[in-house]
Every structure is written in C-alpha cells, then in structure tokens.
Amino acid sequence: MDRDAAMKEFKKYEQMRQEMYEFLERYIPRDEKGVLQFDKAQKIDAKEIFDRWFKLDYQARKIRGIAINCLGLKGE
C-alpha cells in the first residue's frame, strides 16, 4: 500500500472516531467542568451503538494491519 492510500485510511479512522464521540455526547451530558455525567445519560439504542462501534473497530483493525506492514513487523 502506498503512502497516500495509507493516509486516507488513517484519516478515515480519525473521522469515524470523532463521529463516535459526537454521537455519544448527544446522549451523555457534561457538567460545567466538562466531565461526562453518565448518571444523567439518555438511553441509546443498543443496535445503533454496536453498529457504529463495529465499523470503528473494523477500521482500527485495518489501520493496525497497515501499520504492521509499513513497519515490517509480524502480527501477533
């Protein structure tokens, strides 16, 4: 994989990660210090959160493979 293709995958991961945080923060409020207040969180649809997490995890595993290959390491 060339550098540009690898960077595209890294950027895709970062975007997906940011979107996951934004999604969660719609349901979990923060206090005046910016600390998440889980006791005041709204219910989140389990299927939606799993689907989002699964896509993020898949992209992270893809990135892991790219990093291992670029560094010439052997995966564990």
N, C-alpha and C. Protein backbone atom coordinates (compact mmCIF):
# COMPACT_ATOMS: atom_id res chain seq x y z
N MET A 1 0.86 -1.18 0.00
CA MET A 1 0.00 0.00 0.00
C MET A 1 0.89 1.23 0.00
N ASP A 2 0.56 2.19 -0.85
CA ASP A 2 1.37 3.39 -0.90
C ASP A 2 0.99 4.36 0.22
N ARG A 3 1.82 5.37 0.40
CA ARG A 3 1.64 6.32 1.50
C ARG A 3 0.29 7.04 1.43
N ASP A 4 -0.11 7.49 0.25
CA ASP A 4 -1.37 8.23 0.12
C ASP A 4 -2.58 7.36 0.49
N ALA A 5 -2.57 6.11 0.07
CA ALA A 5 -3.67 5.20 0.41
C ALA A 5 -3.70 4.94 1.91
N ALA A 6 -2.52 4.78 2.51
CA ALA A 6 -2.44 4.56 3.96
C ALA A 6 -2.96 5.78 4.72
N MET A 7 -2.55 6.97 4.29
CA MET A 7 -3.00 8.19 4.95
C MET A 7 -4.51 8.35 4.83
N LYS A 8 -5.07 7.95 3.71
CA LYS A 8 -6.52 8.02 3.53
C LYS A 8 -7.22 7.15 4.57
N GLU A 9 -6.68 5.96 4.83
CA GLU A 9 -7.27 5.05 5.82
C GLU A 9 -7.12 5.62 7.24
N PHE A 10 -5.97 6.21 7.54
CA PHE A 10 -5.77 6.83 8.85
C PHE A 10 -6.76 7.98 9.07
N LYS A 11 -6.93 8.80 8.04
CA LYS A 11 -7.87 9.92 8.14
C LYS A 11 -9.30 9.44 8.29
N LYS A 12 -9.64 8.37 7.59
CA LYS A 12 -10.98 7.79 7.71
C LYS A 12 -11.22 7.33 9.14
N TYR A 13 -10.21 6.68 9.74
CA TYR A 13 -10.33 6.24 11.14
C TYR A 13 -10.53 7.44 12.07
N GLU A 14 -9.74 8.47 11.91
CA GLU A 14 -9.86 9.65 12.77
C GLU A 14 -11.24 10.29 12.64
N GLN A 15 -11.78 10.35 11.44
CA GLN A 15 -13.11 10.91 11.22
C GLN A 15 -14.18 10.05 11.91
N MET A 16 -14.06 8.74 11.75
CA MET A 16 -15.03 7.83 12.38
C MET A 16 -14.96 7.93 13.90
N ARG A 17 -13.76 8.06 14.42
CA ARG A 17 -13.57 8.18 15.88
C ARG A 17 -14.23 9.47 16.39
N GLN A 18 -14.01 10.56 15.67
CA GLN A 18 -14.63 11.83 16.05
C GLN A 18 -16.15 11.74 16.00
N GLU A 19 -16.67 11.11 14.97
CA GLU A 19 -18.12 10.94 14.85
C GLU A 19 -18.68 10.10 15.99
N MET A 20 -17.93 9.10 16.45
CA MET A 20 -18.37 8.27 17.57
C MET A 20 -18.48 9.11 18.84
N TYR A 21 -17.46 9.95 19.09
CA TYR A 21 -17.51 10.83 20.26
C TYR A 21 -18.69 11.79 20.17
N GLU A 22 -18.90 12.38 19.01
CA GLU A 22 -20.01 13.31 18.84
C GLU A 22 -21.35 12.60 19.06
N PHE A 23 -21.47 11.38 18.57
CA PHE A 23 -22.69 10.60 18.77
C PHE A 23 -22.94 10.36 20.26
N LEU A 24 -21.92 9.91 20.97
CA LEU A 24 -22.08 9.63 22.40
C LEU A 24 -22.40 10.90 23.19
N GLU A 25 -21.79 12.00 22.81
CA GLU A 25 -22.00 13.24 23.54
C GLU A 25 -23.40 13.83 23.31
N ARG A 26 -24.10 13.35 22.31
CA ARG A 26 -25.50 13.75 22.15
C ARG A 26 -26.37 13.13 23.23
N TYR A 27 -25.93 12.04 23.80
CA TYR A 27 -26.72 11.30 24.78
C TYR A 27 -26.19 11.40 26.20
N ILE A 28 -24.93 11.78 26.34
CA ILE A 28 -24.31 11.86 27.67
C ILE A 28 -23.89 13.30 27.92
N PRO A 29 -24.59 13.99 28.83
CA PRO A 29 -24.27 15.40 29.08
C PRO A 29 -22.97 15.56 29.87
N ARG A 30 -22.44 16.75 29.80
CA ARG A 30 -21.24 17.10 30.58
C ARG A 30 -21.62 18.14 31.65
N ASP A 31 -20.90 18.12 32.74
CA ASP A 31 -21.13 19.15 33.76
C ASP A 31 -20.34 20.40 33.39
N GLU A 32 -20.35 21.39 34.27
CA GLU A 32 -19.68 22.66 33.97
C GLU A 32 -18.17 22.53 33.82
N LYS A 33 -17.59 21.45 34.35
CA LYS A 33 -16.15 21.20 34.21
C LYS A 33 -15.82 20.35 32.99
N GLY A 34 -16.86 19.93 32.26
CA GLY A 34 -16.64 19.12 31.07
C GLY A 34 -16.60 17.62 31.32
N VAL A 35 -16.91 17.21 32.54
CA VAL A 35 -16.89 15.79 32.89
C VAL A 35 -18.21 15.14 32.47
N LEU A 36 -18.11 13.99 31.81
CA LEU A 36 -19.31 13.27 31.39
C LEU A 36 -20.12 12.83 32.60
N GLN A 37 -21.42 13.01 32.52
CA GLN A 37 -22.33 12.64 33.61
C GLN A 37 -23.14 11.42 33.18
N PHE A 38 -22.58 10.25 33.40
CA PHE A 38 -23.23 9.03 32.96
C PHE A 38 -24.55 8.77 33.68
N ASP A 39 -24.67 9.26 34.90
CA ASP A 39 -25.92 9.07 35.65
C ASP A 39 -27.08 9.87 35.05
N LYS A 40 -26.78 10.82 34.17
CA LYS A 40 -27.82 11.63 33.53
C LYS A 40 -27.95 11.32 32.04
N ALA A 41 -27.31 10.25 31.60
CA ALA A 41 -27.31 9.89 30.18
C ALA A 41 -28.69 9.44 29.73
N GLN A 42 -29.01 9.75 28.48
CA GLN A 42 -30.23 9.26 27.85
C GLN A 42 -29.97 7.84 27.37
N LYS A 43 -31.03 7.11 27.15
CA LYS A 43 -30.87 5.75 26.62
C LYS A 43 -30.42 5.82 25.17
N ILE A 44 -29.52 4.90 24.82
CA ILE A 44 -29.00 4.80 23.46
C ILE A 44 -29.41 3.45 22.91
N ASP A 45 -29.90 3.45 21.68
CA ASP A 45 -30.29 2.21 21.03
C ASP A 45 -29.08 1.28 20.92
N ALA A 46 -29.16 0.10 21.48
CA ALA A 46 -28.03 -0.83 21.52
C ALA A 46 -27.56 -1.21 20.12
N LYS A 47 -28.48 -1.43 19.19
CA LYS A 47 -28.08 -1.81 17.84
C LYS A 47 -27.31 -0.68 17.17
N GLU A 48 -27.77 0.54 17.35
CA GLU A 48 -27.08 1.67 16.73
C GLU A 48 -25.67 1.84 17.28
N ILE A 49 -25.54 1.73 18.59
CA ILE A 49 -24.21 1.89 19.19
C ILE A 49 -23.29 0.75 18.77
N PHE A 50 -23.82 -0.47 18.70
CA PHE A 50 -22.99 -1.59 18.28
C PHE A 50 -22.56 -1.44 16.82
N ASP A 51 -23.48 -1.05 15.95
CA ASP A 51 -23.14 -0.87 14.54
C ASP A 51 -22.04 0.17 14.36
N ARG A 52 -22.16 1.27 15.08
CA ARG A 52 -21.14 2.31 15.00
C ARG A 52 -19.80 1.81 15.55
N TRP A 53 -19.84 1.13 16.69
CA TRP A 53 -18.62 0.61 17.29
C TRP A 53 -17.97 -0.43 16.37
N PHE A 54 -18.76 -1.31 15.78
CA PHE A 54 -18.23 -2.36 14.92
C PHE A 54 -17.49 -1.75 13.72
N LYS A 55 -18.06 -0.72 13.11
CA LYS A 55 -17.41 -0.06 11.97
C LYS A 55 -16.11 0.61 12.41
N LEU A 56 -16.12 1.25 13.57
CA LEU A 56 -14.91 1.89 14.09
C LEU A 56 -13.84 0.84 14.39
N ASP A 57 -14.24 -0.26 15.01
CA ASP A 57 -13.30 -1.33 15.33
C ASP A 57 -12.72 -1.94 14.06
N TYR A 58 -13.56 -2.14 13.05
CA TYR A 58 -13.08 -2.70 11.78
C TYR A 58 -12.02 -1.79 11.17
N GLN A 59 -12.28 -0.50 11.19
CA GLN A 59 -11.31 0.45 10.63
C GLN A 59 -10.02 0.45 11.45
N ALA A 60 -10.13 0.33 12.76
CA ALA A 60 -8.94 0.27 13.62
C ALA A 60 -8.11 -0.97 13.30
N ARG A 61 -8.77 -2.10 13.07
CA ARG A 61 -8.05 -3.32 12.71
C ARG A 61 -7.38 -3.18 11.36
N LYS A 62 -8.01 -2.47 10.44
CA LYS A 62 -7.43 -2.20 9.14
C LYS A 62 -6.15 -1.36 9.30
N ILE A 63 -6.23 -0.34 10.13
CA ILE A 63 -5.10 0.54 10.40
C ILE A 63 -3.96 -0.25 11.04
N ARG A 64 -4.30 -1.13 11.95
CA ARG A 64 -3.30 -1.97 12.61
C ARG A 64 -2.52 -2.76 11.57
N GLY A 65 -3.23 -3.36 10.63
CA GLY A 65 -2.58 -4.13 9.57
C GLY A 65 -1.67 -3.27 8.72
N ILE A 66 -2.13 -2.08 8.40
CA ILE A 66 -1.32 -1.16 7.59
C ILE A 66 -0.05 -0.80 8.36
N ALA A 67 -0.20 -0.47 9.62
CA ALA A 67 0.97 -0.08 10.44
C ALA A 67 1.96 -1.23 10.56
N ILE A 68 1.47 -2.42 10.78
CA ILE A 68 2.36 -3.59 10.90
C ILE A 68 3.11 -3.81 9.60
N ASN A 69 2.40 -3.72 8.48
CA ASN A 69 3.06 -3.91 7.18
C ASN A 69 4.06 -2.80 6.88
N CYS A 70 3.70 -1.56 7.18
CA CYS A 70 4.61 -0.44 6.91
C CYS A 70 5.88 -0.52 7.75
N LEU A 71 5.75 -1.03 8.96
CA LEU A 71 6.91 -1.14 9.85
C LEU A 71 7.67 -2.45 9.66
N GLY A 72 7.13 -3.33 8.84
CA GLY A 72 7.79 -4.62 8.60
C GLY A 72 7.74 -5.55 9.79
N LEU A 73 6.72 -5.42 10.61
CA LEU A 73 6.57 -6.28 11.79
C LEU A 73 5.72 -7.49 11.47
N LYS A 74 5.74 -8.45 12.35
CA LYS A 74 4.87 -9.61 12.22
C LYS A 74 3.72 -9.44 13.21
N GLY A 75 2.49 -9.65 12.74
CA GLY A 75 1.32 -9.53 13.63
C GLY A 75 1.31 -10.64 14.66
N GLU A 76 0.75 -10.33 15.82
CA GLU A 76 0.66 -11.34 16.88
C GLU A 76 -0.62 -12.10 16.78
